[in-house]
Amino acid sequence: MELVTALESSDPELADEIKRRMFVFEDLVMLDPGALGKLLSQADPGDLALAVKRLPEELAGHLRNVMGEAKYASLKERSDGLGPVRVQDVDGARMRIIQVLKELEEAGEVLVGRQGEMIE
């Protein structure tokens, strides 16, 4: 993401195009509940516990709605129990979860919209 930020000053159009084609962890908020539920069931529980560290509230709310309060609270408790972790470990877990999503998309098990576009 830092590369895209740097690119914005020299070539804003290219930076916008890259952003449109990227799917980052925070974009999970765009997934419909069925697709997110499928992803959560396929993702490694350890990666999920790492990935929810310092989660944006909008995404935390979306996860809470899909998982239910009790399951989300259990996930947060597991995450909090990890104590301090390195940012690169959180980023790695998030990348692995996005890879699972890409695999589900390629297998035709979920549809992924980017930058607010949803496919019906």
PDB file of N, CA and C in Angstrom:
ATOM      1  N   MET A   1       0.822  -1.187   0.000  1.00  0.00           N
ATOM      2  CA  MET A   1       0.000   0.000   0.000  1.00  0.00           C
ATOM      3  C   MET A   1       0.869   1.255   0.000  1.00  0.00           C
ATOM      4  N   GLU A   2       2.047   1.178   0.628  1.00  0.00           N
ATOM      5  CA  GLU A   2       2.946   2.337   0.644  1.00  0.00           C
ATOM      6  C   GLU A   2       3.377   2.706  -0.765  1.00  0.00           C
ATOM      7  N   LEU A   3       3.566   1.696  -1.605  1.00  0.00           N
ATOM      8  CA  LEU A   3       3.960   1.941  -2.989  1.00  0.00           C
ATOM      9  C   LEU A   3       2.871   2.709  -3.723  1.00  0.00           C
ATOM     10  N   VAL A   4       1.633   2.335  -3.515  1.00  0.00           N
ATOM     11  CA  VAL A   4       0.516   3.027  -4.158  1.00  0.00           C
ATOM     12  C   VAL A   4       0.433   4.467  -3.669  1.00  0.00           C
ATOM     13  N   THR A   5       0.651   4.673  -2.382  1.00  0.00           N
ATOM     14  CA  THR A   5       0.631   6.030  -1.831  1.00  0.00           C
ATOM     15  C   THR A   5       1.719   6.884  -2.475  1.00  0.00           C
ATOM     16  N   ALA A   6       2.901   6.323  -2.639  1.00  0.00           N
ATOM     17  CA  ALA A   6       3.993   7.055  -3.286  1.00  0.00           C
ATOM     18  C   ALA A   6       3.682   7.327  -4.754  1.00  0.00           C
ATOM     19  N   LEU A   7       3.020   6.378  -5.395  1.00  0.00           N
ATOM     20  CA  LEU A   7       2.682   6.516  -6.810  1.00  0.00           C
ATOM     21  C   LEU A   7       1.618   7.590  -7.041  1.00  0.00           C
ATOM     22  N   GLU A   8       0.797   7.843  -6.047  1.00  0.00           N
ATOM     23  CA  GLU A   8      -0.273   8.837  -6.195  1.00  0.00           C
ATOM     24  C   GLU A   8       0.251  10.205  -6.580  1.00  0.00           C
ATOM     25  N   SER A   9       1.430  10.570  -6.095  1.00  0.00           N
ATOM     26  CA  SER A   9       1.959  11.895  -6.416  1.00  0.00           C
ATOM     27  C   SER A   9       2.544  11.965  -7.823  1.00  0.00           C
ATOM     28  N   SER A  10       3.124  10.869  -8.300  1.00  0.00           N
ATOM     29  CA  SER A  10       3.738  10.910  -9.630  1.00  0.00           C
ATOM     30  C   SER A  10       2.792  10.487 -10.745  1.00  0.00           C
ATOM     31  N   ASP A  11       1.869   9.569 -10.469  1.00  0.00           N
ATOM     32  CA  ASP A  11       0.944   9.107 -11.503  1.00  0.00           C
ATOM     33  C   ASP A  11      -0.400   8.738 -10.863  1.00  0.00           C
ATOM     34  N   PRO A  12      -1.226   9.742 -10.557  1.00  0.00           N
ATOM     35  CA  PRO A  12      -2.487   9.496  -9.853  1.00  0.00           C
ATOM     36  C   PRO A  12      -3.423   8.542 -10.597  1.00  0.00           C
ATOM     37  N   GLU A  13      -3.441   8.606 -11.918  1.00  0.00           N
ATOM     38  CA  GLU A  13      -4.328   7.714 -12.678  1.00  0.00           C
ATOM     39  C   GLU A  13      -3.918   6.257 -12.511  1.00  0.00           C
ATOM     40  N   LEU A  14      -2.624   5.984 -12.587  1.00  0.00           N
ATOM     41  CA  LEU A  14      -2.141   4.624 -12.399  1.00  0.00           C
ATOM     42  C   LEU A  14      -2.409   4.159 -10.969  1.00  0.00           C
ATOM     43  N   ALA A  15      -2.208   5.037 -10.001  1.00  0.00           N
ATOM     44  CA  ALA A  15      -2.481   4.685  -8.605  1.00  0.00           C
ATOM     45  C   ALA A  15      -3.956   4.328  -8.425  1.00  0.00           C
ATOM     46  N   ASP A  16      -4.860   5.090  -9.045  1.00  0.00           N
ATOM     47  CA  ASP A  16      -6.285   4.781  -8.957  1.00  0.00           C
ATOM     48  C   ASP A  16      -6.608   3.439  -9.600  1.00  0.00           C
ATOM     49  N   GLU A  17      -5.994   3.150 -10.722  1.00  0.00           N
ATOM     50  CA  GLU A  17      -6.223   1.871 -11.408  1.00  0.00           C
ATOM     51  C   GLU A  17      -5.754   0.699 -10.547  1.00  0.00           C
ATOM     52  N   ILE A  18      -4.610   0.850  -9.936  1.00  0.00           N
ATOM     53  CA  ILE A  18      -4.090  -0.206  -9.063  1.00  0.00           C
ATOM     54  C   ILE A  18      -5.032  -0.422  -7.886  1.00  0.00           C
ATOM     55  N   LYS A  19      -5.501   0.660  -7.281  1.00  0.00           N
ATOM     56  CA  LYS A  19      -6.440   0.555  -6.156  1.00  0.00           C
ATOM     57  C   LYS A  19      -7.716  -0.170  -6.569  1.00  0.00           C
ATOM     58  N   ARG A  20      -8.214   0.132  -7.775  1.00  0.00           N
ATOM     59  CA  ARG A  20      -9.435  -0.519  -8.245  1.00  0.00           C
ATOM     60  C   ARG A  20      -9.249  -2.019  -8.409  1.00  0.00           C
ATOM     61  N   ARG A  21      -8.060  -2.436  -8.762  1.00  0.00           N
ATOM     62  CA  ARG A  21      -7.801  -3.855  -9.011  1.00  0.00           C
ATOM     63  C   ARG A  21      -7.359  -4.624  -7.758  1.00  0.00           C
ATOM     64  N   MET A  22      -6.973  -3.905  -6.732  1.00  0.00           N
ATOM     65  CA  MET A  22      -6.505  -4.542  -5.503  1.00  0.00           C
ATOM     66  C   MET A  22      -7.678  -4.930  -4.615  1.00  0.00           C
ATOM     67  N   PHE A  23      -7.458  -5.932  -3.815  1.00  0.00           N
ATOM     68  CA  PHE A  23      -8.415  -6.295  -2.781  1.00  0.00           C
ATOM     69  C   PHE A  23      -7.593  -6.493  -1.529  1.00  0.00           C
ATOM     70  N   VAL A  24      -7.798  -5.641  -0.536  1.00  0.00           N
ATOM     71  CA  VAL A  24      -7.044  -5.717   0.704  1.00  0.00           C
ATOM     72  C   VAL A  24      -7.970  -6.189   1.822  1.00  0.00           C
ATOM     73  N   PHE A  25      -7.380  -6.555   2.935  1.00  0.00           N
ATOM     74  CA  PHE A  25      -8.128  -7.133   4.040  1.00  0.00           C
ATOM     75  C   PHE A  25      -9.307  -6.259   4.464  1.00  0.00           C
ATOM     76  N   GLU A  26      -9.095  -4.950   4.516  1.00  0.00           N
ATOM     77  CA  GLU A  26     -10.157  -4.044   4.940  1.00  0.00           C
ATOM     78  C   GLU A  26     -11.347  -4.064   3.978  1.00  0.00           C
ATOM     79  N   ASP A  27     -11.131  -4.532   2.739  1.00  0.00           N
ATOM     80  CA  ASP A  27     -12.212  -4.622   1.762  1.00  0.00           C
ATOM     81  C   ASP A  27     -13.176  -5.773   2.056  1.00  0.00           C
ATOM     82  N   LEU A  28     -12.860  -6.606   3.048  1.00  0.00           N
ATOM     83  CA  LEU A  28     -13.778  -7.684   3.403  1.00  0.00           C
ATOM     84  C   LEU A  28     -15.141  -7.133   3.796  1.00  0.00           C
ATOM     85  N   VAL A  29     -15.189  -5.879   4.189  1.00  0.00           N
ATOM     86  CA  VAL A  29     -16.450  -5.251   4.553  1.00  0.00           C
ATOM     87  C   VAL A  29     -17.403  -5.210   3.353  1.00  0.00           C
ATOM     88  N   MET A  30     -16.864  -5.310   2.140  1.00  0.00           N
ATOM     89  CA  MET A  30     -17.700  -5.295   0.928  1.00  0.00           C
ATOM     90  C   MET A  30     -18.315  -6.657   0.624  1.00  0.00           C
ATOM     91  N   LEU A  31     -17.839  -7.712   1.268  1.00  0.00           N
ATOM     92  CA  LEU A  31     -18.365  -9.039   0.985  1.00  0.00           C
ATOM     93  C   LEU A  31     -19.764  -9.199   1.561  1.00  0.00           C
ATOM     94  N   ASP A  32     -20.598  -9.895   0.819  1.00  0.00           N
ATOM     95  CA  ASP A  32     -21.926 -10.184   1.366  1.00  0.00           C
ATOM     96  C   ASP A  32     -21.755 -11.213   2.489  1.00  0.00           C
ATOM     97  N   PRO A  33     -22.729 -11.318   3.379  1.00  0.00           N
ATOM     98  CA  PRO A  33     -22.596 -12.216   4.529  1.00  0.00           C
ATOM     99  C   PRO A  33     -22.310 -13.671   4.153  1.00  0.00           C
ATOM    100  N   GLY A  34     -22.892 -14.158   3.073  1.00  0.00           N
ATOM    101  CA  GLY A  34     -22.647 -15.544   2.668  1.00  0.00           C
ATOM    102  C   GLY A  34     -21.199 -15.769   2.268  1.00  0.00           C
ATOM    103  N   ALA A  35     -20.648 -14.851   1.484  1.00  0.00           N
ATOM    104  CA  ALA A  35     -19.257 -14.977   1.045  1.00  0.00           C
ATOM    105  C   ALA A  35     -18.310 -14.840   2.231  1.00  0.00           C
ATOM    106  N   LEU A  36     -18.586 -13.892   3.115  1.00  0.00           N
ATOM    107  CA  LEU A  36     -17.729 -13.714   4.282  1.00  0.00           C
ATOM    108  C   LEU A  36     -17.813 -14.935   5.196  1.00  0.00           C
ATOM    109  N   GLY A  37     -19.002 -15.463   5.374  1.00  0.00           N
ATOM    110  CA  GLY A  37     -19.160 -16.664   6.192  1.00  0.00           C
ATOM    111  C   GLY A  37     -18.374 -17.840   5.624  1.00  0.00           C
ATOM    112  N   LYS A  38     -18.418 -18.011   4.313  1.00  0.00           N
ATOM    113  CA  LYS A  38     -17.658 -19.078   3.657  1.00  0.00           C
ATOM    114  C   LYS A  38     -16.164 -18.875   3.889  1.00  0.00           C
ATOM    115  N   LEU A  39     -15.697 -17.647   3.724  1.00  0.00           N
ATOM    116  CA  LEU A  39     -14.285 -17.339   3.951  1.00  0.00           C
ATOM    117  C   LEU A  39     -13.891 -17.650   5.390  1.00  0.00           C
ATOM    118  N   LEU A  40     -14.696 -17.214   6.337  1.00  0.00           N
ATOM    119  CA  LEU A  40     -14.376 -17.435   7.745  1.00  0.00           C
ATOM    120  C   LEU A  40     -14.315 -18.921   8.084  1.00  0.00           C
ATOM    121  N   SER A  41     -15.147 -19.715   7.430  1.00  0.00           N
ATOM    122  CA  SER A  41     -15.137 -21.155   7.706  1.00  0.00           C
ATOM    123  C   SER A  41     -13.920 -21.842   7.097  1.00  0.00           C
ATOM    124  N   GLN A  42     -13.341 -21.243   6.064  1.00  0.00           N
ATOM    125  CA  GLN A  42     -12.195 -21.849   5.377  1.00  0.00           C
ATOM    126  C   GLN A  42     -10.845 -21.328   5.877  1.00  0.00           C
ATOM    127  N   ALA A  43     -10.831 -20.143   6.458  1.00  0.00           N
ATOM    128  CA  ALA A  43      -9.575 -19.523   6.905  1.00  0.00           C
ATOM    129  C   ALA A  43      -9.046 -20.222   8.155  1.00  0.00           C
ATOM    130  N   ASP A  44      -7.752 -20.203   8.306  1.00  0.00           N
ATOM    131  CA  ASP A  44      -7.102 -20.783   9.473  1.00  0.00           C
ATOM    132  C   ASP A  44      -7.483 -19.977  10.725  1.00  0.00           C
ATOM    133  N   PRO A  45      -7.952 -20.654  11.780  1.00  0.00           N
ATOM    134  CA  PRO A  45      -8.342 -19.932  13.002  1.00  0.00           C
ATOM    135  C   PRO A  45      -7.212 -19.098  13.607  1.00  0.00           C
ATOM    136  N   GLY A  46      -5.989 -19.575  13.525  1.00  0.00           N
ATOM    137  CA  GLY A  46      -4.854 -18.804  14.034  1.00  0.00           C
ATOM    138  C   GLY A  46      -4.639 -17.532  13.244  1.00  0.00           C
ATOM    139  N   ASP A  47      -4.818 -17.622  11.916  1.00  0.00           N
ATOM    140  CA  ASP A  47      -4.706 -16.426  11.080  1.00  0.00           C
ATOM    141  C   ASP A  47      -5.820 -15.440  11.411  1.00  0.00           C
ATOM    142  N   LEU A  48      -7.019 -15.954  11.644  1.00  0.00           N
ATOM    143  CA  LEU A  48      -8.131 -15.058  11.998  1.00  0.00           C
ATOM    144  C   LEU A  48      -7.837 -14.326  13.299  1.00  0.00           C
ATOM    145  N   ALA A  49      -7.300 -15.041  14.285  1.00  0.00           N
ATOM    146  CA  ALA A  49      -6.993 -14.414  15.577  1.00  0.00           C
ATOM    147  C   ALA A  49      -5.956 -13.299  15.412  1.00  0.00           C
ATOM    148  N   LEU A  50      -4.961 -13.535  14.581  1.00  0.00           N
ATOM    149  CA  LEU A  50      -3.963 -12.492  14.320  1.00  0.00           C
ATOM    150  C   LEU A  50      -4.559 -11.336  13.523  1.00  0.00           C
ATOM    151  N   ALA A  51      -5.378 -11.679  12.533  1.00  0.00           N
ATOM    152  CA  ALA A  51      -5.889 -10.674  11.593  1.00  0.00           C
ATOM    153  C   ALA A  51      -6.821  -9.660  12.237  1.00  0.00           C
ATOM    154  N   VAL A  52      -7.470 -10.025  13.332  1.00  0.00           N
ATOM    155  CA  VAL A  52      -8.413  -9.077  13.935  1.00  0.00           C
ATOM    156  C   VAL A  52      -7.740  -8.092  14.892  1.00  0.00           C
ATOM    157  N   LYS A  53      -6.427  -8.179  15.018  1.00  0.00           N
ATOM    158  CA  LYS A  53      -5.708  -7.177  15.810  1.00  0.00           C
ATOM    159  C   LYS A  53      -5.878  -5.811  15.144  1.00  0.00           C
ATOM    160  N   ARG A  54      -6.259  -4.810  15.921  1.00  0.00           N
ATOM    161  CA  ARG A  54      -6.413  -3.417  15.453  1.00  0.00           C
ATOM    162  C   ARG A  54      -7.283  -3.324  14.204  1.00  0.00           C
ATOM    163  N   LEU A  55      -8.404  -3.978  14.247  1.00  0.00           N
ATOM    164  CA  LEU A  55      -9.338  -4.032  13.133  1.00  0.00           C
ATOM    165  C   LEU A  55     -10.158  -2.750  13.055  1.00  0.00           C
ATOM    166  N   PRO A  56     -10.336  -2.191  11.853  1.00  0.00           N
ATOM    167  CA  PRO A  56     -11.213  -1.018  11.720  1.00  0.00           C
ATOM    168  C   PRO A  56     -12.624  -1.372  12.207  1.00  0.00           C
ATOM    169  N   GLU A  57     -13.281  -0.447  12.880  1.00  0.00           N
ATOM    170  CA  GLU A  57     -14.584  -0.724  13.488  1.00  0.00           C
ATOM    171  C   GLU A  57     -15.629  -1.178  12.469  1.00  0.00           C
ATOM    172  N   GLU A  58     -15.597  -0.595  11.279  1.00  0.00           N
ATOM    173  CA  GLU A  58     -16.577  -0.993  10.264  1.00  0.00           C
ATOM    174  C   GLU A  58     -16.447  -2.480   9.934  1.00  0.00           C
ATOM    175  N   LEU A  59     -15.222  -2.960   9.777  1.00  0.00           N
ATOM    176  CA  LEU A  59     -15.007  -4.372   9.472  1.00  0.00           C
ATOM    177  C   LEU A  59     -15.311  -5.230  10.692  1.00  0.00           C
ATOM    178  N   ALA A  60     -14.946  -4.761  11.873  1.00  0.00           N
ATOM    179  CA  ALA A  60     -15.256  -5.504  13.095  1.00  0.00           C
ATOM    180  C   ALA A  60     -16.762  -5.693  13.228  1.00  0.00           C
ATOM    181  N   GLY A  61     -17.525  -4.651  12.932  1.00  0.00           N
ATOM    182  CA  GLY A  61     -18.983  -4.749  12.990  1.00  0.00           C
ATOM    183  C   GLY A  61     -19.533  -5.731  11.976  1.00  0.00           C
ATOM    184  N   HIS A  62     -18.967  -5.727  10.781  1.00  0.00           N
ATOM    185  CA  HIS A  62     -19.398  -6.655   9.729  1.00  0.00           C
ATOM    186  C   HIS A  62     -19.103  -8.098  10.149  1.00  0.00           C
ATOM    187  N   LEU A  63     -17.914  -8.324  10.689  1.00  0.00           N
ATOM    188  CA  LEU A  63     -17.568  -9.669  11.167  1.00  0.00           C
ATOM    189  C   LEU A  63     -18.503 -10.097  12.297  1.00  0.00           C
ATOM    190  N   ARG A  64     -18.773  -9.175  13.223  1.00  0.00           N
ATOM    191  CA  ARG A  64     -19.660  -9.462  14.355  1.00  0.00           C
ATOM    192  C   ARG A  64     -21.050  -9.844  13.859  1.00  0.00           C
ATOM    193  N   ASN A  65     -21.544  -9.133  12.844  1.00  0.00           N
ATOM    194  CA  ASN A  65     -22.872  -9.434  12.294  1.00  0.00           C
ATOM    195  C   ASN A  65     -22.913 -10.808  11.639  1.00  0.00           C
ATOM    196  N   VAL A  66     -21.860 -11.159  10.918  1.00  0.00           N
ATOM    197  CA  VAL A  66     -21.833 -12.432  10.208  1.00  0.00           C
ATOM    198  C   VAL A  66     -21.578 -13.592  11.179  1.00  0.00           C
ATOM    199  N   MET A  67     -20.642 -13.406  12.092  1.00  0.00           N
ATOM    200  CA  MET A  67     -20.267 -14.481  13.008  1.00  0.00           C
ATOM    201  C   MET A  67     -21.246 -14.640  14.166  1.00  0.00           C
ATOM    202  N   GLY A  68     -21.870 -13.549  14.556  1.00  0.00           N
ATOM    203  CA  GLY A  68     -22.669 -13.548  15.767  1.00  0.00           C
ATOM    204  C   GLY A  68     -21.804 -13.056  16.920  1.00  0.00           C
ATOM    205  N   GLU A  69     -22.456 -12.466  17.902  1.00  0.00           N
ATOM    206  CA  GLU A  69     -21.739 -11.856  19.026  1.00  0.00           C
ATOM    207  C   GLU A  69     -20.844 -12.852  19.764  1.00  0.00           C
ATOM    208  N   ALA A  70     -21.373 -14.046  20.061  1.00  0.00           N
ATOM    209  CA  ALA A  70     -20.618 -15.007  20.878  1.00  0.00           C
ATOM    210  C   ALA A  70     -19.361 -15.487  20.158  1.00  0.00           C
ATOM    211  N   LYS A  71     -19.477 -15.835  18.878  1.00  0.00           N
ATOM    212  CA  LYS A  71     -18.310 -16.318  18.138  1.00  0.00           C
ATOM    213  C   LYS A  71     -17.293 -15.203  17.935  1.00  0.00           C
ATOM    214  N   TYR A  72     -17.782 -13.991  17.665  1.00  0.00           N
ATOM    215  CA  TYR A  72     -16.853 -12.879  17.494  1.00  0.00           C
ATOM    216  C   TYR A  72     -16.136 -12.589  18.810  1.00  0.00           C
ATOM    217  N   ALA A  73     -16.875 -12.618  19.932  1.00  0.00           N
ATOM    218  CA  ALA A  73     -16.262 -12.373  21.244  1.00  0.00           C
ATOM    219  C   ALA A  73     -15.196 -13.430  21.535  1.00  0.00           C
ATOM    220  N   SER A  74     -15.449 -14.671  21.157  1.00  0.00           N
ATOM    221  CA  SER A  74     -14.480 -15.742  21.353  1.00  0.00           C
ATOM    222  C   SER A  74     -13.226 -15.501  20.506  1.00  0.00           C
ATOM    223  N   LEU A  75     -13.427 -15.064  19.257  1.00  0.00           N
ATOM    224  CA  LEU A  75     -12.301 -14.750  18.386  1.00  0.00           C
ATOM    225  C   LEU A  75     -11.479 -13.599  18.959  1.00  0.00           C
ATOM    226  N   LYS A  76     -12.153 -12.540  19.428  1.00  0.00           N
ATOM    227  CA  LYS A  76     -11.447 -11.391  20.018  1.00  0.00           C
ATOM    228  C   LYS A  76     -10.689 -11.809  21.278  1.00  0.00           C
ATOM    229  N   GLU A  77     -11.289 -12.680  22.073  1.00  0.00           N
ATOM    230  CA  GLU A  77     -10.618 -13.149  23.284  1.00  0.00           C
ATOM    231  C   GLU A  77      -9.340 -13.911  22.914  1.00  0.00           C
ATOM    232  N   ARG A  78      -9.441 -14.749  21.887  1.00  0.00           N
ATOM    233  CA  ARG A  78      -8.260 -15.481  21.429  1.00  0.00           C
ATOM    234  C   ARG A  78      -7.201 -14.502  20.904  1.00  0.00           C
ATOM    235  N   SER A  79      -7.652 -13.496  20.155  1.00  0.00           N
ATOM    236  CA  SER A  79      -6.744 -12.493  19.616  1.00  0.00           C
ATOM    237  C   SER A  79      -6.059 -11.714  20.739  1.00  0.00           C
ATOM    238  N   ASP A  80      -6.847 -11.276  21.704  1.00  0.00           N
ATOM    239  CA  ASP A  80      -6.295 -10.525  22.834  1.00  0.00           C
ATOM    240  C   ASP A  80      -5.317 -11.378  23.638  1.00  0.00           C
ATOM    241  N   GLY A  81      -5.574 -12.681  23.700  1.00  0.00           N
ATOM    242  CA  GLY A  81      -4.709 -13.596  24.429  1.00  0.00           C
ATOM    243  C   GLY A  81      -3.339 -13.764  23.798  1.00  0.00           C
ATOM    244  N   LEU A  82      -3.213 -13.370  22.547  1.00  0.00           N
ATOM    245  CA  LEU A  82      -1.917 -13.459  21.870  1.00  0.00           C
ATOM    246  C   LEU A  82      -0.933 -12.421  22.401  1.00  0.00           C
ATOM    247  N   GLY A  83      -1.474 -11.383  23.029  1.00  0.00           N
ATOM    248  CA  GLY A  83      -0.613 -10.310  23.515  1.00  0.00           C
ATOM    249  C   GLY A  83      -0.080  -9.495  22.356  1.00  0.00           C
ATOM    250  N   PRO A  84       0.984  -8.738  22.578  1.00  0.00           N
ATOM    251  CA  PRO A  84       1.557  -7.933  21.502  1.00  0.00           C
ATOM    252  C   PRO A  84       2.133  -8.835  20.400  1.00  0.00           C
ATOM    253  N   VAL A  85       1.877  -8.456  19.175  1.00  0.00           N
ATOM    254  CA  VAL A  85       2.401  -9.204  18.027  1.00  0.00           C
ATOM    255  C   VAL A  85       3.019  -8.215  17.046  1.00  0.00           C
ATOM    256  N   ARG A  86       3.889  -8.727  16.199  1.00  0.00           N
ATOM    257  CA  ARG A  86       4.527  -7.873  15.203  1.00  0.00           C
ATOM    258  C   ARG A  86       3.533  -7.541  14.089  1.00  0.00           C
ATOM    259  N   VAL A  87       3.628  -6.324  13.594  1.00  0.00           N
ATOM    260  CA  VAL A  87       2.763  -5.871  12.501  1.00  0.00           C
ATOM    261  C   VAL A  87       2.921  -6.796  11.309  1.00  0.00           C
ATOM    262  N   GLN A  88       4.133  -7.235  11.025  1.00  0.00           N
ATOM    263  CA  GLN A  88       4.343  -8.104   9.869  1.00  0.00           C
ATOM    264  C   GLN A  88       3.634  -9.444  10.041  1.00  0.00           C
ATOM    265  N   ASP A  89       3.458  -9.911  11.291  1.00  0.00           N
ATOM    266  CA  ASP A  89       2.720 -11.153  11.518  1.00  0.00           C
ATOM    267  C   ASP A  89       1.233 -10.961  11.234  1.00  0.00           C
ATOM    268  N   VAL A  90       0.699  -9.818  11.644  1.00  0.00           N
ATOM    269  CA  VAL A  90      -0.700  -9.494  11.359  1.00  0.00           C
ATOM    270  C   VAL A  90      -0.894  -9.359   9.847  1.00  0.00           C
ATOM    271  N   ASP A  91       0.000  -8.634   9.195  1.00  0.00           N
ATOM    272  CA  ASP A  91      -0.097  -8.468   7.740  1.00  0.00           C
ATOM    273  C   ASP A  91      -0.012  -9.809   7.021  1.00  0.00           C
ATOM    274  N   GLY A  92       0.861 -10.687   7.484  1.00  0.00           N
ATOM    275  CA  GLY A  92       1.000 -12.008   6.882  1.00  0.00           C
ATOM    276  C   GLY A  92      -0.276 -12.821   7.017  1.00  0.00           C
ATOM    277  N   ALA A  93      -0.889 -12.785   8.197  1.00  0.00           N
ATOM    278  CA  ALA A  93      -2.145 -13.505   8.426  1.00  0.00           C
ATOM    279  C   ALA A  93      -3.244 -12.952   7.521  1.00  0.00           C
ATOM    280  N   ARG A  94      -3.297 -11.639   7.393  1.00  0.00           N
ATOM    281  CA  ARG A  94      -4.307 -11.017   6.537  1.00  0.00           C
ATOM    282  C   ARG A  94      -4.092 -11.395   5.071  1.00  0.00           C
ATOM    283  N   MET A  95      -2.830 -11.460   4.637  1.00  0.00           N
ATOM    284  CA  MET A  95      -2.554 -11.853   3.254  1.00  0.00           C
ATOM    285  C   MET A  95      -2.967 -13.306   3.006  1.00  0.00           C
ATOM    286  N   ARG A  96      -2.729 -14.175   3.986  1.00  0.00           N
ATOM    287  CA  ARG A  96      -3.131 -15.580   3.826  1.00  0.00           C
ATOM    288  C   ARG A  96      -4.651 -15.706   3.747  1.00  0.00           C
ATOM    289  N   ILE A  97      -5.373 -14.895   4.504  1.00  0.00           N
ATOM    290  CA  ILE A  97      -6.835 -14.921   4.445  1.00  0.00           C
ATOM    291  C   ILE A  97      -7.315 -14.426   3.087  1.00  0.00           C
ATOM    292  N   ILE A  98      -6.707 -13.375   2.564  1.00  0.00           N
ATOM    293  CA  ILE A  98      -7.060 -12.877   1.233  1.00  0.00           C
ATOM    294  C   ILE A  98      -6.747 -13.938   0.184  1.00  0.00           C
ATOM    295  N   GLN A  99      -5.670 -14.705   0.367  1.00  0.00           N
ATOM    296  CA  GLN A  99      -5.347 -15.783  -0.569  1.00  0.00           C
ATOM    297  C   GLN A  99      -6.438 -16.846  -0.552  1.00  0.00           C
ATOM    298  N   VAL A 100      -6.954 -17.178   0.629  1.00  0.00           N
ATOM    299  CA  VAL A 100      -8.067 -18.130   0.722  1.00  0.00           C
ATOM    300  C   VAL A 100      -9.268 -17.583  -0.038  1.00  0.00           C
ATOM    301  N   LEU A 101      -9.541 -16.291   0.117  1.00  0.00           N
ATOM    302  CA  LEU A 101     -10.653 -15.671  -0.598  1.00  0.00           C
ATOM    303  C   LEU A 101     -10.455 -15.784  -2.110  1.00  0.00           C
ATOM    304  N   LYS A 102      -9.239 -15.521  -2.576  1.00  0.00           N
ATOM    305  CA  LYS A 102      -8.958 -15.616  -4.017  1.00  0.00           C
ATOM    306  C   LYS A 102      -9.175 -17.046  -4.512  1.00  0.00           C
ATOM    307  N   GLU A 103      -8.774 -18.019  -3.712  1.00  0.00           N
ATOM    308  CA  GLU A 103      -8.972 -19.418  -4.089  1.00  0.00           C
ATOM    309  C   GLU A 103     -10.454 -19.763  -4.154  1.00  0.00           C
ATOM    310  N   LEU A 104     -11.231 -19.262  -3.197  1.00  0.00           N
ATOM    311  CA  LEU A 104     -12.679 -19.488  -3.208  1.00  0.00           C
ATOM    312  C   LEU A 104     -13.315 -18.829  -4.429  1.00  0.00           C
ATOM    313  N   GLU A 105     -12.825 -17.638  -4.779  1.00  0.00           N
ATOM    314  CA  GLU A 105     -13.342 -16.930  -5.944  1.00  0.00           C
ATOM    315  C   GLU A 105     -13.004 -17.699  -7.225  1.00  0.00           C
ATOM    316  N   GLU A 106     -11.767 -18.151  -7.341  1.00  0.00           N
ATOM    317  CA  GLU A 106     -11.352 -18.899  -8.524  1.00  0.00           C
ATOM    318  C   GLU A 106     -12.125 -20.206  -8.676  1.00  0.00           C
ATOM    319  N   ALA A 107     -12.496 -20.812  -7.553  1.00  0.00           N
ATOM    320  CA  ALA A 107     -13.264 -22.052  -7.568  1.00  0.00           C
ATOM    321  C   ALA A 107     -14.749 -21.797  -7.813  1.00  0.00           C
ATOM    322  N   GLY A 108     -15.124 -20.522  -7.875  1.00  0.00           N
ATOM    323  CA  GLY A 108     -16.521 -20.180  -8.111  1.00  0.00           C
ATOM    324  C   GLY A 108     -17.413 -20.320  -6.894  1.00  0.00           C
ATOM    325  N   GLU A 109     -16.801 -20.404  -5.711  1.00  0.00           N
ATOM    326  CA  GLU A 109     -17.584 -20.578  -4.493  1.00  0.00           C
ATOM    327  C   GLU A 109     -18.082 -19.267  -3.911  1.00  0.00           C
ATOM    328  N   VAL A 110     -17.417 -18.154  -4.244  1.00  0.00           N
ATOM    329  CA  VAL A 110     -17.854 -16.829  -3.811  1.00  0.00           C
ATOM    330  C   VAL A 110     -17.666 -15.852  -4.955  1.00  0.00           C
ATOM    331  N   LEU A 111     -18.448 -14.786  -4.931  1.00  0.00           N
ATOM    332  CA  LEU A 111     -18.275 -13.683  -5.870  1.00  0.00           C
ATOM    333  C   LEU A 111     -17.731 -12.507  -5.079  1.00  0.00           C
ATOM    334  N   VAL A 112     -16.714 -11.866  -5.629  1.00  0.00           N
ATOM    335  CA  VAL A 112     -16.075 -10.761  -4.934  1.00  0.00           C
ATOM    336  C   VAL A 112     -16.242  -9.504  -5.758  1.00  0.00           C
ATOM    337  N   GLY A 113     -16.862  -8.476  -5.171  1.00  0.00           N
ATOM    338  CA  GLY A 113     -16.947  -7.168  -5.805  1.00  0.00           C
ATOM    339  C   GLY A 113     -15.802  -6.312  -5.309  1.00  0.00           C
ATOM    340  N   ARG A 114     -15.304  -5.450  -6.141  1.00  0.00           N
ATOM    341  CA  ARG A 114     -14.207  -4.566  -5.754  1.00  0.00           C
ATOM    342  C   ARG A 114     -14.667  -3.121  -5.837  1.00  0.00           C
ATOM    343  N   GLN A 115     -14.164  -2.319  -4.908  1.00  0.00           N
ATOM    344  CA  GLN A 115     -14.473  -0.882  -4.868  1.00  0.00           C
ATOM    345  C   GLN A 115     -15.979  -0.634  -4.970  1.00  0.00           C
ATOM    346  N   GLY A 116     -16.735  -1.379  -4.190  1.00  0.00           N
ATOM    347  CA  GLY A 116     -18.162  -1.142  -4.086  1.00  0.00           C
ATOM    348  C   GLY A 116     -19.008  -1.799  -5.156  1.00  0.00           C
ATOM    349  N   GLU A 117     -18.404  -2.446  -6.151  1.00  0.00           N
ATOM    350  CA  GLU A 117     -19.215  -3.095  -7.179  1.00  0.00           C
ATOM    351  C   GLU A 117     -19.591  -4.483  -6.693  1.00  0.00           C
ATOM    352  N   MET A 118     -20.833  -4.825  -6.847  1.00  0.00           N
ATOM    353  CA  MET A 118     -21.281  -6.156  -6.462  1.00  0.00           C
ATOM    354  C   MET A 118     -21.912  -6.804  -7.683  1.00  0.00           C
ATOM    355  N   ILE A 119     -21.691  -8.069  -7.797  1.00  0.00           N
ATOM    356  CA  ILE A 119     -22.203  -8.831  -8.930  1.00  0.00           C
ATOM    357  C   ILE A 119     -23.384  -9.650  -8.441  1.00  0.00           C
ATOM    358  N   GLU A 120     -24.498  -9.539  -9.096  1.00  0.00           N
ATOM    359  CA  GLU A 120     -25.691 -10.320  -8.723  1.00  0.00           C
ATOM    360  C   GLU A 120     -25.797 -11.527  -9.617  1.00  0.00           C
TER     361      GLU A 120
END
